[in-house]
Amino acid sequence: MNKSLSVISLILAWILAAFFLFGAYGNTFISEENAAAYAAWGYPDWFHYITAILELATALLLIRAVSRPFGAGLGALVMAAASLTTLVNADYGHAVVPSVVLLVSLVVLGLSLRVRHASI
């Protein structure tokens, strides 16, 4: 496999890991604005903790190459749910970031699977 694709995959994975780590922190210590958004979307008061746990797991899985496809896949699922939630609730201003992160997660998933397949 092309060495530059491996480097791109690594860089994108670490950027994603930082994003999800930051998201986990933000969902653990939720702001009033984000709590209001969760409530407006119909989620229970405690749901942000589930999101935080999933985002923390995603960040940790993205760090190591062996678990990176699982982290990228989990991150894609989390961001697909976030994108769908915002779109269904016509909260289009909040839909852009999760949609972009979903796309980057899918790119990292594809690249990390190519890297894994090339090393076999």
PDB file of N, CA and C in Angstrom:
ATOM      1  N   MET A   1       0.838  -1.187   0.000  1.00  0.00           N
ATOM      2  CA  MET A   1       0.000   0.000   0.000  1.00  0.00           C
ATOM      3  C   MET A   1       0.878   1.244   0.000  1.00  0.00           C
ATOM      4  N   ASN A   2       0.385   2.261  -0.600  1.00  0.00           N
ATOM      5  CA  ASN A   2       1.089   3.523  -0.670  1.00  0.00           C
ATOM      6  C   ASN A   2       1.328   4.060   0.741  1.00  0.00           C
ATOM      7  N   LYS A   3       2.572   4.386   1.047  1.00  0.00           N
ATOM      8  CA  LYS A   3       2.955   4.889   2.379  1.00  0.00           C
ATOM      9  C   LYS A   3       2.201   6.163   2.737  1.00  0.00           C
ATOM     10  N   SER A   4       1.947   7.013   1.758  1.00  0.00           N
ATOM     11  CA  SER A   4       1.256   8.277   2.047  1.00  0.00           C
ATOM     12  C   SER A   4      -0.186   8.036   2.496  1.00  0.00           C
ATOM     13  N   LEU A   5      -0.838   6.998   1.980  1.00  0.00           N
ATOM     14  CA  LEU A   5      -2.187   6.678   2.442  1.00  0.00           C
ATOM     15  C   LEU A   5      -2.181   6.220   3.897  1.00  0.00           C
ATOM     16  N   SER A   6      -1.155   5.487   4.290  1.00  0.00           N
ATOM     17  CA  SER A   6      -1.029   5.073   5.691  1.00  0.00           C
ATOM     18  C   SER A   6      -0.853   6.282   6.603  1.00  0.00           C
ATOM     19  N   VAL A   7      -0.055   7.233   6.156  1.00  0.00           N
ATOM     20  CA  VAL A   7       0.180   8.446   6.946  1.00  0.00           C
ATOM     21  C   VAL A   7      -1.100   9.276   7.023  1.00  0.00           C
ATOM     22  N   ILE A   8      -1.800   9.405   5.911  1.00  0.00           N
ATOM     23  CA  ILE A   8      -3.072  10.146   5.896  1.00  0.00           C
ATOM     24  C   ILE A   8      -4.073   9.486   6.835  1.00  0.00           C
ATOM     25  N   SER A   9      -4.143   8.171   6.793  1.00  0.00           N
ATOM     26  CA  SER A   9      -5.055   7.439   7.670  1.00  0.00           C
ATOM     27  C   SER A   9      -4.710   7.689   9.128  1.00  0.00           C
ATOM     28  N   LEU A  10      -3.434   7.642   9.455  1.00  0.00           N
ATOM     29  CA  LEU A  10      -2.981   7.869  10.825  1.00  0.00           C
ATOM     30  C   LEU A  10      -3.333   9.279  11.296  1.00  0.00           C
ATOM     31  N   ILE A  11      -3.045  10.272  10.470  1.00  0.00           N
ATOM     32  CA  ILE A  11      -3.315  11.664  10.837  1.00  0.00           C
ATOM     33  C   ILE A  11      -4.811  11.891  11.026  1.00  0.00           C
ATOM     34  N   LEU A  12      -5.613  11.409  10.081  1.00  0.00           N
ATOM     35  CA  LEU A  12      -7.065  11.569  10.210  1.00  0.00           C
ATOM     36  C   LEU A  12      -7.601  10.834  11.430  1.00  0.00           C
ATOM     37  N   ALA A  13      -7.062   9.663  11.715  1.00  0.00           N
ATOM     38  CA  ALA A  13      -7.504   8.899  12.883  1.00  0.00           C
ATOM     39  C   ALA A  13      -7.205   9.648  14.175  1.00  0.00           C
ATOM     40  N   TRP A  14      -6.036  10.253  14.262  1.00  0.00           N
ATOM     41  CA  TRP A  14      -5.680  10.996  15.473  1.00  0.00           C
ATOM     42  C   TRP A  14      -6.510  12.273  15.607  1.00  0.00           C
ATOM     43  N   ILE A  15      -6.806  12.924  14.498  1.00  0.00           N
ATOM     44  CA  ILE A  15      -7.687  14.102  14.540  1.00  0.00           C
ATOM     45  C   ILE A  15      -9.082  13.686  15.006  1.00  0.00           C
ATOM     46  N   LEU A  16      -9.576  12.574  14.467  1.00  0.00           N
ATOM     47  CA  LEU A  16     -10.876  12.058  14.900  1.00  0.00           C
ATOM     48  C   LEU A  16     -10.862  11.685  16.374  1.00  0.00           C
ATOM     49  N   ALA A  17      -9.792  11.040  16.812  1.00  0.00           N
ATOM     50  CA  ALA A  17      -9.687  10.655  18.222  1.00  0.00           C
ATOM     51  C   ALA A  17      -9.759  11.900  19.110  1.00  0.00           C
ATOM     52  N   ALA A  18      -9.077  12.963  18.722  1.00  0.00           N
ATOM     53  CA  ALA A  18      -9.126  14.212  19.494  1.00  0.00           C
ATOM     54  C   ALA A  18     -10.541  14.787  19.501  1.00  0.00           C
ATOM     55  N   PHE A  19     -11.196  14.761  18.344  1.00  0.00           N
ATOM     56  CA  PHE A  19     -12.571  15.259  18.256  1.00  0.00           C
ATOM     57  C   PHE A  19     -13.496  14.479  19.188  1.00  0.00           C
ATOM     58  N   PHE A  20     -13.392  13.154  19.151  1.00  0.00           N
ATOM     59  CA  PHE A  20     -14.276  12.338  19.983  1.00  0.00           C
ATOM     60  C   PHE A  20     -13.920  12.449  21.463  1.00  0.00           C
ATOM     61  N   LEU A  21     -12.651  12.633  21.782  1.00  0.00           N
ATOM     62  CA  LEU A  21     -12.261  12.839  23.175  1.00  0.00           C
ATOM     63  C   LEU A  21     -12.844  14.157  23.693  1.00  0.00           C
ATOM     64  N   PHE A  22     -12.749  15.188  22.888  1.00  0.00           N
ATOM     65  CA  PHE A  22     -13.325  16.481  23.241  1.00  0.00           C
ATOM     66  C   PHE A  22     -14.848  16.353  23.375  1.00  0.00           C
ATOM     67  N   GLY A  23     -15.470  15.621  22.452  1.00  0.00           N
ATOM     68  CA  GLY A  23     -16.912  15.404  22.511  1.00  0.00           C
ATOM     69  C   GLY A  23     -17.329  14.637  23.755  1.00  0.00           C
ATOM     70  N   ALA A  24     -16.530  13.646  24.143  1.00  0.00           N
ATOM     71  CA  ALA A  24     -16.824  12.876  25.355  1.00  0.00           C
ATOM     72  C   ALA A  24     -16.781  13.782  26.578  1.00  0.00           C
ATOM     73  N   TYR A  25     -15.787  14.647  26.633  1.00  0.00           N
ATOM     74  CA  TYR A  25     -15.685  15.598  27.743  1.00  0.00           C
ATOM     75  C   TYR A  25     -16.905  16.526  27.748  1.00  0.00           C
ATOM     76  N   GLY A  26     -17.230  17.063  26.576  1.00  0.00           N
ATOM     77  CA  GLY A  26     -18.365  17.980  26.468  1.00  0.00           C
ATOM     78  C   GLY A  26     -19.699  17.344  26.806  1.00  0.00           C
ATOM     79  N   ASN A  27     -19.837  16.065  26.530  1.00  0.00           N
ATOM     80  CA  ASN A  27     -21.077  15.379  26.869  1.00  0.00           C
ATOM     81  C   ASN A  27     -21.109  14.888  28.306  1.00  0.00           C
ATOM     82  N   THR A  28     -19.949  14.720  28.916  1.00  0.00           N
ATOM     83  CA  THR A  28     -19.914  14.357  30.333  1.00  0.00           C
ATOM     84  C   THR A  28     -20.258  15.571  31.187  1.00  0.00           C
ATOM     85  N   PHE A  29     -19.643  16.703  30.865  1.00  0.00           N
ATOM     86  CA  PHE A  29     -19.870  17.949  31.588  1.00  0.00           C
ATOM     87  C   PHE A  29     -20.672  18.885  30.674  1.00  0.00           C
ATOM     88  N   ILE A  30     -21.915  18.527  30.464  1.00  0.00           N
ATOM     89  CA  ILE A  30     -22.750  19.149  29.436  1.00  0.00           C
ATOM     90  C   ILE A  30     -23.140  20.583  29.804  1.00  0.00           C
ATOM     91  N   SER A  31     -23.150  21.439  28.798  1.00  0.00           N
ATOM     92  CA  SER A  31     -23.585  22.823  28.990  1.00  0.00           C
ATOM     93  C   SER A  31     -25.114  22.878  29.005  1.00  0.00           C
ATOM     94  N   GLU A  32     -25.638  23.980  29.497  1.00  0.00           N
ATOM     95  CA  GLU A  32     -27.094  24.147  29.517  1.00  0.00           C
ATOM     96  C   GLU A  32     -27.654  24.162  28.098  1.00  0.00           C
ATOM     97  N   GLU A  33     -26.907  24.763  27.185  1.00  0.00           N
ATOM     98  CA  GLU A  33     -27.355  24.826  25.787  1.00  0.00           C
ATOM     99  C   GLU A  33     -27.458  23.431  25.176  1.00  0.00           C
ATOM    100  N   ASN A  34     -26.433  22.604  25.397  1.00  0.00           N
ATOM    101  CA  ASN A  34     -26.472  21.243  24.853  1.00  0.00           C
ATOM    102  C   ASN A  34     -27.514  20.384  25.549  1.00  0.00           C
ATOM    103  N   ALA A  35     -27.702  20.583  26.848  1.00  0.00           N
ATOM    104  CA  ALA A  35     -28.750  19.857  27.575  1.00  0.00           C
ATOM    105  C   ALA A  35     -30.115  20.211  27.003  1.00  0.00           C
ATOM    106  N   ALA A  36     -30.313  21.479  26.686  1.00  0.00           N
ATOM    107  CA  ALA A  36     -31.577  21.923  26.088  1.00  0.00           C
ATOM    108  C   ALA A  36     -31.758  21.310  24.704  1.00  0.00           C
ATOM    109  N   ALA A  37     -30.666  21.184  23.949  1.00  0.00           N
ATOM    110  CA  ALA A  37     -30.752  20.568  22.615  1.00  0.00           C
ATOM    111  C   ALA A  37     -31.146  19.109  22.731  1.00  0.00           C
ATOM    112  N   TYR A  38     -30.531  18.361  23.645  1.00  0.00           N
ATOM    113  CA  TYR A  38     -30.888  16.961  23.859  1.00  0.00           C
ATOM    114  C   TYR A  38     -32.367  16.841  24.220  1.00  0.00           C
ATOM    115  N   ALA A  39     -32.840  17.724  25.099  1.00  0.00           N
ATOM    116  CA  ALA A  39     -34.253  17.698  25.504  1.00  0.00           C
ATOM    117  C   ALA A  39     -35.158  18.017  24.322  1.00  0.00           C
ATOM    118  N   ALA A  40     -34.769  19.001  23.518  1.00  0.00           N
ATOM    119  CA  ALA A  40     -35.576  19.367  22.344  1.00  0.00           C
ATOM    120  C   ALA A  40     -35.646  18.225  21.334  1.00  0.00           C
ATOM    121  N   TRP A  41     -34.599  17.422  21.272  1.00  0.00           N
ATOM    122  CA  TRP A  41     -34.580  16.284  20.349  1.00  0.00           C
ATOM    123  C   TRP A  41     -35.323  15.079  20.905  1.00  0.00           C
ATOM    124  N   GLY A  42     -35.772  15.176  22.160  1.00  0.00           N
ATOM    125  CA  GLY A  42     -36.570  14.110  22.748  1.00  0.00           C
ATOM    126  C   GLY A  42     -35.795  13.064  23.532  1.00  0.00           C
ATOM    127  N   TYR A  43     -34.535  13.345  23.838  1.00  0.00           N
ATOM    128  CA  TYR A  43     -33.729  12.384  24.592  1.00  0.00           C
ATOM    129  C   TYR A  43     -33.900  12.600  26.095  1.00  0.00           C
ATOM    130  N   PRO A  44     -33.807  11.534  26.890  1.00  0.00           N
ATOM    131  CA  PRO A  44     -33.912  11.689  28.346  1.00  0.00           C
ATOM    132  C   PRO A  44     -32.696  12.439  28.911  1.00  0.00           C
ATOM    133  N   ASP A  45     -32.849  12.912  30.149  1.00  0.00           N
ATOM    134  CA  ASP A  45     -31.806  13.734  30.791  1.00  0.00           C
ATOM    135  C   ASP A  45     -30.444  13.054  30.862  1.00  0.00           C
ATOM    136  N   TRP A  46     -30.420  11.752  30.976  1.00  0.00           N
ATOM    137  CA  TRP A  46     -29.173  11.011  31.163  1.00  0.00           C
ATOM    138  C   TRP A  46     -28.520  10.586  29.850  1.00  0.00           C
ATOM    139  N   PHE A  47     -29.155  10.816  28.723  1.00  0.00           N
ATOM    140  CA  PHE A  47     -28.669  10.266  27.460  1.00  0.00           C
ATOM    141  C   PHE A  47     -27.303  10.810  27.048  1.00  0.00           C
ATOM    142  N   HIS A  48     -26.977  12.008  27.463  1.00  0.00           N
ATOM    143  CA  HIS A  48     -25.676  12.583  27.092  1.00  0.00           C
ATOM    144  C   HIS A  48     -24.528  11.753  27.658  1.00  0.00           C
ATOM    145  N   TYR A  49     -24.777  11.031  28.769  1.00  0.00           N
ATOM    146  CA  TYR A  49     -23.733  10.146  29.316  1.00  0.00           C
ATOM    147  C   TYR A  49     -23.477   8.956  28.384  1.00  0.00           C
ATOM    148  N   ILE A  50     -24.524   8.443  27.774  1.00  0.00           N
ATOM    149  CA  ILE A  50     -24.365   7.352  26.800  1.00  0.00           C
ATOM    150  C   ILE A  50     -23.528   7.846  25.621  1.00  0.00           C
ATOM    151  N   THR A  51     -23.858   9.036  25.159  1.00  0.00           N
ATOM    152  CA  THR A  51     -23.086   9.630  24.061  1.00  0.00           C
ATOM    153  C   THR A  51     -21.625   9.799  24.462  1.00  0.00           C
ATOM    154  N   ALA A  52     -21.378  10.270  25.671  1.00  0.00           N
ATOM    155  CA  ALA A  52     -20.004  10.475  26.153  1.00  0.00           C
ATOM    156  C   ALA A  52     -19.238   9.157  26.193  1.00  0.00           C
ATOM    157  N   ILE A  53     -19.876   8.107  26.678  1.00  0.00           N
ATOM    158  CA  ILE A  53     -19.218   6.793  26.752  1.00  0.00           C
ATOM    159  C   ILE A  53     -18.880   6.284  25.354  1.00  0.00           C
ATOM    160  N   LEU A  54     -19.810   6.418  24.421  1.00  0.00           N
ATOM    161  CA  LEU A  54     -19.563   5.967  23.047  1.00  0.00           C
ATOM    162  C   LEU A  54     -18.451   6.779  22.392  1.00  0.00           C
ATOM    163  N   GLU A  55     -18.428   8.081  22.657  1.00  0.00           N
ATOM    164  CA  GLU A  55     -17.376   8.919  22.076  1.00  0.00           C
ATOM    165  C   GLU A  55     -16.012   8.615  22.691  1.00  0.00           C
ATOM    166  N   LEU A  56     -15.972   8.357  23.980  1.00  0.00           N
ATOM    167  CA  LEU A  56     -14.705   7.985  24.617  1.00  0.00           C
ATOM    168  C   LEU A  56     -14.203   6.650  24.070  1.00  0.00           C
ATOM    169  N   ALA A  57     -15.088   5.687  23.925  1.00  0.00           N
ATOM    170  CA  ALA A  57     -14.705   4.389  23.360  1.00  0.00           C
ATOM    171  C   ALA A  57     -14.185   4.561  21.932  1.00  0.00           C
ATOM    172  N   THR A  58     -14.847   5.402  21.166  1.00  0.00           N
ATOM    173  CA  THR A  58     -14.406   5.672  19.792  1.00  0.00           C
ATOM    174  C   THR A  58     -12.997   6.241  19.788  1.00  0.00           C
ATOM    175  N   ALA A  59     -12.752   7.243  20.625  1.00  0.00           N
ATOM    176  CA  ALA A  59     -11.421   7.880  20.683  1.00  0.00           C
ATOM    177  C   ALA A  59     -10.348   6.861  21.035  1.00  0.00           C
ATOM    178  N   LEU A  60     -10.614   6.037  22.030  1.00  0.00           N
ATOM    179  CA  LEU A  60      -9.622   5.041  22.450  1.00  0.00           C
ATOM    180  C   LEU A  60      -9.362   4.005  21.364  1.00  0.00           C
ATOM    181  N   LEU A  61     -10.403   3.580  20.681  1.00  0.00           N
ATOM    182  CA  LEU A  61     -10.235   2.588  19.616  1.00  0.00           C
ATOM    183  C   LEU A  61      -9.490   3.151  18.409  1.00  0.00           C
ATOM    184  N   LEU A  62      -9.624   4.438  18.164  1.00  0.00           N
ATOM    185  CA  LEU A  62      -8.968   5.053  17.008  1.00  0.00           C
ATOM    186  C   LEU A  62      -7.457   5.179  17.175  1.00  0.00           C
ATOM    187  N   ILE A  63      -6.975   5.146  18.394  1.00  0.00           N
ATOM    188  CA  ILE A  63      -5.556   5.405  18.642  1.00  0.00           C
ATOM    189  C   ILE A  63      -4.655   4.306  18.090  1.00  0.00           C
ATOM    190  N   ARG A  64      -5.023   3.061  18.299  1.00  0.00           N
ATOM    191  CA  ARG A  64      -4.167   1.947  17.863  1.00  0.00           C
ATOM    192  C   ARG A  64      -4.616   1.425  16.502  1.00  0.00           C
ATOM    193  N   ALA A  65      -3.659   1.084  15.670  1.00  0.00           N
ATOM    194  CA  ALA A  65      -3.961   0.613  14.315  1.00  0.00           C
ATOM    195  C   ALA A  65      -4.810  -0.651  14.324  1.00  0.00           C
ATOM    196  N   VAL A  66      -4.554  -1.540  15.277  1.00  0.00           N
ATOM    197  CA  VAL A  66      -5.276  -2.812  15.301  1.00  0.00           C
ATOM    198  C   VAL A  66      -6.774  -2.616  15.586  1.00  0.00           C
ATOM    199  N   SER A  67      -7.113  -1.596  16.369  1.00  0.00           N
ATOM    200  CA  SER A  67      -8.519  -1.362  16.711  1.00  0.00           C
ATOM    201  C   SER A  67      -9.138  -0.198  15.927  1.00  0.00           C
ATOM    202  N   ARG A  68      -8.343   0.443  15.093  1.00  0.00           N
ATOM    203  CA  ARG A  68      -8.807   1.627  14.359  1.00  0.00           C
ATOM    204  C   ARG A  68     -10.057   1.392  13.521  1.00  0.00           C
ATOM    205  N   PRO A  69     -10.173   0.277  12.788  1.00  0.00           N
ATOM    206  CA  PRO A  69     -11.418   0.089  12.027  1.00  0.00           C
ATOM    207  C   PRO A  69     -12.655   0.042  12.922  1.00  0.00           C
ATOM    208  N   PHE A  70     -12.519  -0.533  14.108  1.00  0.00           N
ATOM    209  CA  PHE A  70     -13.648  -0.594  15.037  1.00  0.00           C
ATOM    210  C   PHE A  70     -13.994   0.800  15.557  1.00  0.00           C
ATOM    211  N   GLY A  71     -12.964   1.593  15.848  1.00  0.00           N
ATOM    212  CA  GLY A  71     -13.186   2.960  16.301  1.00  0.00           C
ATOM    213  C   GLY A  71     -13.828   3.816  15.219  1.00  0.00           C
ATOM    214  N   ALA A  72     -13.338   3.679  13.998  1.00  0.00           N
ATOM    215  CA  ALA A  72     -13.913   4.448  12.893  1.00  0.00           C
ATOM    216  C   ALA A  72     -15.351   4.016  12.628  1.00  0.00           C
ATOM    217  N   GLY A  73     -15.612   2.727  12.720  1.00  0.00           N
ATOM    218  CA  GLY A  73     -16.976   2.235  12.532  1.00  0.00           C
ATOM    219  C   GLY A  73     -17.914   2.719  13.619  1.00  0.00           C
ATOM    220  N   LEU A  74     -17.458   2.653  14.878  1.00  0.00           N
ATOM    221  CA  LEU A  74     -18.275   3.141  15.986  1.00  0.00           C
ATOM    222  C   LEU A  74     -18.498   4.644  15.860  1.00  0.00           C
ATOM    223  N   GLY A  75     -17.453   5.360  15.511  1.00  0.00           N
ATOM    224  CA  GLY A  75     -17.589   6.804  15.320  1.00  0.00           C
ATOM    225  C   GLY A  75     -18.571   7.135  14.209  1.00  0.00           C
ATOM    226  N   ALA A  76     -18.529   6.366  13.127  1.00  0.00           N
ATOM    227  CA  ALA A  76     -19.474   6.581  12.027  1.00  0.00           C
ATOM    228  C   ALA A  76     -20.907   6.346  12.494  1.00  0.00           C
ATOM    229  N   LEU A  77     -21.114   5.313  13.294  1.00  0.00           N
ATOM    230  CA  LEU A  77     -22.460   5.048  13.818  1.00  0.00           C
ATOM    231  C   LEU A  77     -22.951   6.176  14.723  1.00  0.00           C
ATOM    232  N   VAL A  78     -22.076   6.641  15.602  1.00  0.00           N
ATOM    233  CA  VAL A  78     -22.440   7.734  16.513  1.00  0.00           C
ATOM    234  C   VAL A  78     -22.779   8.990  15.712  1.00  0.00           C
ATOM    235  N   MET A  79     -21.964   9.301  14.714  1.00  0.00           N
ATOM    236  CA  MET A  79     -22.206  10.500  13.923  1.00  0.00           C
ATOM    237  C   MET A  79     -23.403  10.346  12.982  1.00  0.00           C
ATOM    238  N   ALA A  80     -23.663   9.131  12.527  1.00  0.00           N
ATOM    239  CA  ALA A  80     -24.872   8.896  11.726  1.00  0.00           C
ATOM    240  C   ALA A  80     -26.104   9.156  12.581  1.00  0.00           C
ATOM    241  N   ALA A  81     -26.087   8.690  13.825  1.00  0.00           N
ATOM    242  CA  ALA A  81     -27.202   8.929  14.742  1.00  0.00           C
ATOM    243  C   ALA A  81     -27.360  10.419  15.025  1.00  0.00           C
ATOM    244  N   ALA A  82     -26.234  11.111  15.228  1.00  0.00           N
ATOM    245  CA  ALA A  82     -26.299  12.552  15.484  1.00  0.00           C
ATOM    246  C   ALA A  82     -26.824  13.301  14.265  1.00  0.00           C
ATOM    247  N   SER A  83     -26.350  12.929  13.088  1.00  0.00           N
ATOM    248  CA  SER A  83     -26.823  13.572  11.858  1.00  0.00           C
ATOM    249  C   SER A  83     -28.312  13.334  11.655  1.00  0.00           C
ATOM    250  N   LEU A  84     -28.729  12.104  11.834  1.00  0.00           N
ATOM    251  CA  LEU A  84     -30.136  11.754  11.672  1.00  0.00           C
ATOM    252  C   LEU A  84     -31.006  12.496  12.682  1.00  0.00           C
ATOM    253  N   THR A  85     -30.534  12.553  13.928  1.00  0.00           N
ATOM    254  CA  THR A  85     -31.281  13.268  14.966  1.00  0.00           C
ATOM    255  C   THR A  85     -31.499  14.726  14.585  1.00  0.00           C
ATOM    256  N   THR A  86     -30.450  15.391  14.146  1.00  0.00           N
ATOM    257  CA  THR A  86     -30.576  16.807  13.808  1.00  0.00           C
ATOM    258  C   THR A  86     -31.428  17.018  12.561  1.00  0.00           C
ATOM    259  N   LEU A  87     -31.298  16.142  11.587  1.00  0.00           N
ATOM    260  CA  LEU A  87     -32.088  16.290  10.364  1.00  0.00           C
ATOM    261  C   LEU A  87     -33.563  16.016  10.603  1.00  0.00           C
ATOM    262  N   VAL A  88     -33.877  14.973  11.370  1.00  0.00           N
ATOM    263  CA  VAL A  88     -35.274  14.637  11.674  1.00  0.00           C
ATOM    264  C   VAL A  88     -35.936  15.781  12.451  1.00  0.00           C
ATOM    265  N   ASN A  89     -35.155  16.436  13.303  1.00  0.00           N
ATOM    266  CA  ASN A  89     -35.686  17.534  14.107  1.00  0.00           C
ATOM    267  C   ASN A  89     -35.528  18.898  13.434  1.00  0.00           C
ATOM    268  N   ALA A  90     -35.156  18.898  12.164  1.00  0.00           N
ATOM    269  CA  ALA A  90     -34.989  20.121  11.372  1.00  0.00           C
ATOM    270  C   ALA A  90     -34.056  21.120  12.054  1.00  0.00           C
ATOM    271  N   ASP A  91     -33.043  20.598  12.727  1.00  0.00           N
ATOM    272  CA  ASP A  91     -32.038  21.428  13.388  1.00  0.00           C
ATOM    273  C   ASP A  91     -30.802  21.455  12.487  1.00  0.00           C
ATOM    274  N   TYR A  92     -30.971  22.083  11.342  1.00  0.00           N
ATOM    275  CA  TYR A  92     -29.961  22.004  10.292  1.00  0.00           C
ATOM    276  C   TYR A  92     -28.643  22.660  10.679  1.00  0.00           C
ATOM    277  N   GLY A  93     -28.674  23.634  11.559  1.00  0.00           N
ATOM    278  CA  GLY A  93     -27.447  24.277  12.010  1.00  0.00           C
ATOM    279  C   GLY A  93     -26.533  23.323  12.754  1.00  0.00           C
ATOM    280  N   HIS A  94     -27.116  22.341  13.442  1.00  0.00           N
ATOM    281  CA  HIS A  94     -26.322  21.348  14.167  1.00  0.00           C
ATOM    282  C   HIS A  94     -26.010  20.109  13.315  1.00  0.00           C
ATOM    283  N   ALA A  95     -26.488  20.058  12.091  1.00  0.00           N
ATOM    284  CA  ALA A  95     -26.309  18.862  11.260  1.00  0.00           C
ATOM    285  C   ALA A  95     -24.979  18.833  10.512  1.00  0.00           C
ATOM    286  N   VAL A  96     -24.353  19.964  10.318  1.00  0.00           N
ATOM    287  CA  VAL A  96     -23.153  20.036   9.478  1.00  0.00           C
ATOM    288  C   VAL A  96     -21.977  19.285  10.102  1.00  0.00           C
ATOM    289  N   VAL A  97     -21.655  19.576  11.347  1.00  0.00           N
ATOM    290  CA  VAL A  97     -20.478  18.969  11.983  1.00  0.00           C
ATOM    291  C   VAL A  97     -20.597  17.444  12.043  1.00  0.00           C
ATOM    292  N   PRO A  98     -21.704  16.881  12.553  1.00  0.00           N
ATOM    293  CA  PRO A  98     -21.757  15.424  12.580  1.00  0.00           C
ATOM    294  C   PRO A  98     -21.723  14.796  11.183  1.00  0.00           C
ATOM    295  N   SER A  99     -22.246  15.493  10.202  1.00  0.00           N
ATOM    296  CA  SER A  99     -22.210  14.956   8.833  1.00  0.00           C
ATOM    297  C   SER A  99     -20.776  14.918   8.296  1.00  0.00           C
ATOM    298  N   VAL A 100     -20.011  15.967   8.563  1.00  0.00           N
ATOM    299  CA  VAL A 100     -18.607  16.001   8.125  1.00  0.00           C
ATOM    300  C   VAL A 100     -17.793  14.942   8.875  1.00  0.00           C
ATOM    301  N   VAL A 101     -18.017  14.827  10.180  1.00  0.00           N
ATOM    302  CA  VAL A 101     -17.280  13.834  10.975  1.00  0.00           C
ATOM    303  C   VAL A 101     -17.678  12.415  10.549  1.00  0.00           C
ATOM    304  N   LEU A 102     -18.931  12.222  10.183  1.00  0.00           N
ATOM    305  CA  LEU A 102     -19.364  10.929   9.644  1.00  0.00           C
ATOM    306  C   LEU A 102     -18.567  10.595   8.388  1.00  0.00           C
ATOM    307  N   LEU A 103     -18.438  11.547   7.501  1.00  0.00           N
ATOM    308  CA  LEU A 103     -17.676  11.333   6.267  1.00  0.00           C
ATOM    309  C   LEU A 103     -16.211  11.013   6.560  1.00  0.00           C
ATOM    310  N   VAL A 104     -15.590  11.763   7.460  1.00  0.00           N
ATOM    311  CA  VAL A 104     -14.185  11.516   7.811  1.00  0.00           C
ATOM    312  C   VAL A 104     -14.047  10.141   8.474  1.00  0.00           C
ATOM    313  N   SER A 105     -14.996   9.775   9.326  1.00  0.00           N
ATOM    314  CA  SER A 105     -14.955   8.451   9.965  1.00  0.00           C
ATOM    315  C   SER A 105     -15.015   7.338   8.920  1.00  0.00           C
ATOM    316  N   LEU A 106     -15.854   7.515   7.911  1.00  0.00           N
ATOM    317  CA  LEU A 106     -15.951   6.507   6.853  1.00  0.00           C
ATOM    318  C   LEU A 106     -14.672   6.439   6.023  1.00  0.00           C
ATOM    319  N   VAL A 107     -14.035   7.578   5.799  1.00  0.00           N
ATOM    320  CA  VAL A 107     -12.750   7.596   5.084  1.00  0.00           C
ATOM    321  C   VAL A 107     -11.695   6.851   5.900  1.00  0.00           C
ATOM    322  N   VAL A 108     -11.630   7.138   7.203  1.00  0.00           N
ATOM    323  CA  VAL A 108     -10.661   6.456   8.067  1.00  0.00           C
ATOM    324  C   VAL A 108     -10.956   4.959   8.109  1.00  0.00           C
ATOM    325  N   LEU A 109     -12.216   4.595   8.158  1.00  0.00           N
ATOM    326  CA  LEU A 109     -12.576   3.179   8.141  1.00  0.00           C
ATOM    327  C   LEU A 109     -12.060   2.504   6.872  1.00  0.00           C
ATOM    328  N   GLY A 110     -12.331   3.117   5.737  1.00  0.00           N
ATOM    329  CA  GLY A 110     -11.866   2.550   4.471  1.00  0.00           C
ATOM    330  C   GLY A 110     -10.354   2.465   4.387  1.00  0.00           C
ATOM    331  N   LEU A 111      -9.675   3.528   4.777  1.00  0.00           N
ATOM    332  CA  LEU A 111      -8.213   3.532   4.724  1.00  0.00           C
ATOM    333  C   LEU A 111      -7.610   2.526   5.695  1.00  0.00           C
ATOM    334  N   SER A 112      -8.159   2.450   6.883  1.00  0.00           N
ATOM    335  CA  SER A 112      -7.589   1.523   7.867  1.00  0.00           C
ATOM    336  C   SER A 112      -7.831   0.075   7.469  1.00  0.00           C
ATOM    337  N   LEU A 113      -8.932  -0.199   6.804  1.00  0.00           N
ATOM    338  CA  LEU A 113      -9.155  -1.566   6.295  1.00  0.00           C
ATOM    339  C   LEU A 113      -8.196  -1.882   5.166  1.00  0.00           C
ATOM    340  N   ARG A 114      -7.892  -0.876   4.316  1.00  0.00           N
ATOM    341  CA  ARG A 114      -6.903  -1.089   3.240  1.00  0.00           C
ATOM    342  C   ARG A 114      -5.521  -1.337   3.816  1.00  0.00           C
ATOM    343  N   VAL A 115      -5.156  -0.575   4.841  1.00  0.00           N
ATOM    344  CA  VAL A 115      -3.854  -0.757   5.485  1.00  0.00           C
ATOM    345  C   VAL A 115      -3.777  -2.157   6.097  1.00  0.00           C
ATOM    346  N   ARG A 116      -4.847  -2.550   6.776  1.00  0.00           N
ATOM    347  CA  ARG A 116      -4.872  -3.878   7.411  1.00  0.00           C
ATOM    348  C   ARG A 116      -4.770  -4.975   6.350  1.00  0.00           C
ATOM    349  N   HIS A 117      -5.512  -4.832   5.262  1.00  0.00           N
ATOM    350  CA  HIS A 117      -5.504  -5.846   4.204  1.00  0.00           C
ATOM    351  C   HIS A 117      -4.141  -5.923   3.516  1.00  0.00           C
ATOM    352  N   ALA A 118      -3.494  -4.769   3.343  1.00  0.00           N
ATOM    353  CA  ALA A 118      -2.187  -4.747   2.690  1.00  0.00           C
ATOM    354  C   ALA A 118      -1.106  -5.403   3.549  1.00  0.00           C
ATOM    355  N   SER A 119      -1.293  -5.399   4.866  1.00  0.00           N
ATOM    356  CA  SER A 119      -0.273  -5.975   5.742  1.00  0.00           C
ATOM    357  C   SER A 119      -0.442  -7.478   5.942  1.00  0.00           C
ATOM    358  N   ILE A 120      -1.526  -8.023   5.425  1.00  0.00           N
ATOM    359  CA  ILE A 120      -1.750  -9.480   5.561  1.00  0.00           C
ATOM    360  C   ILE A 120      -0.984 -10.243   4.507  1.00  0.00           C
TER     361      ILE A 120
END
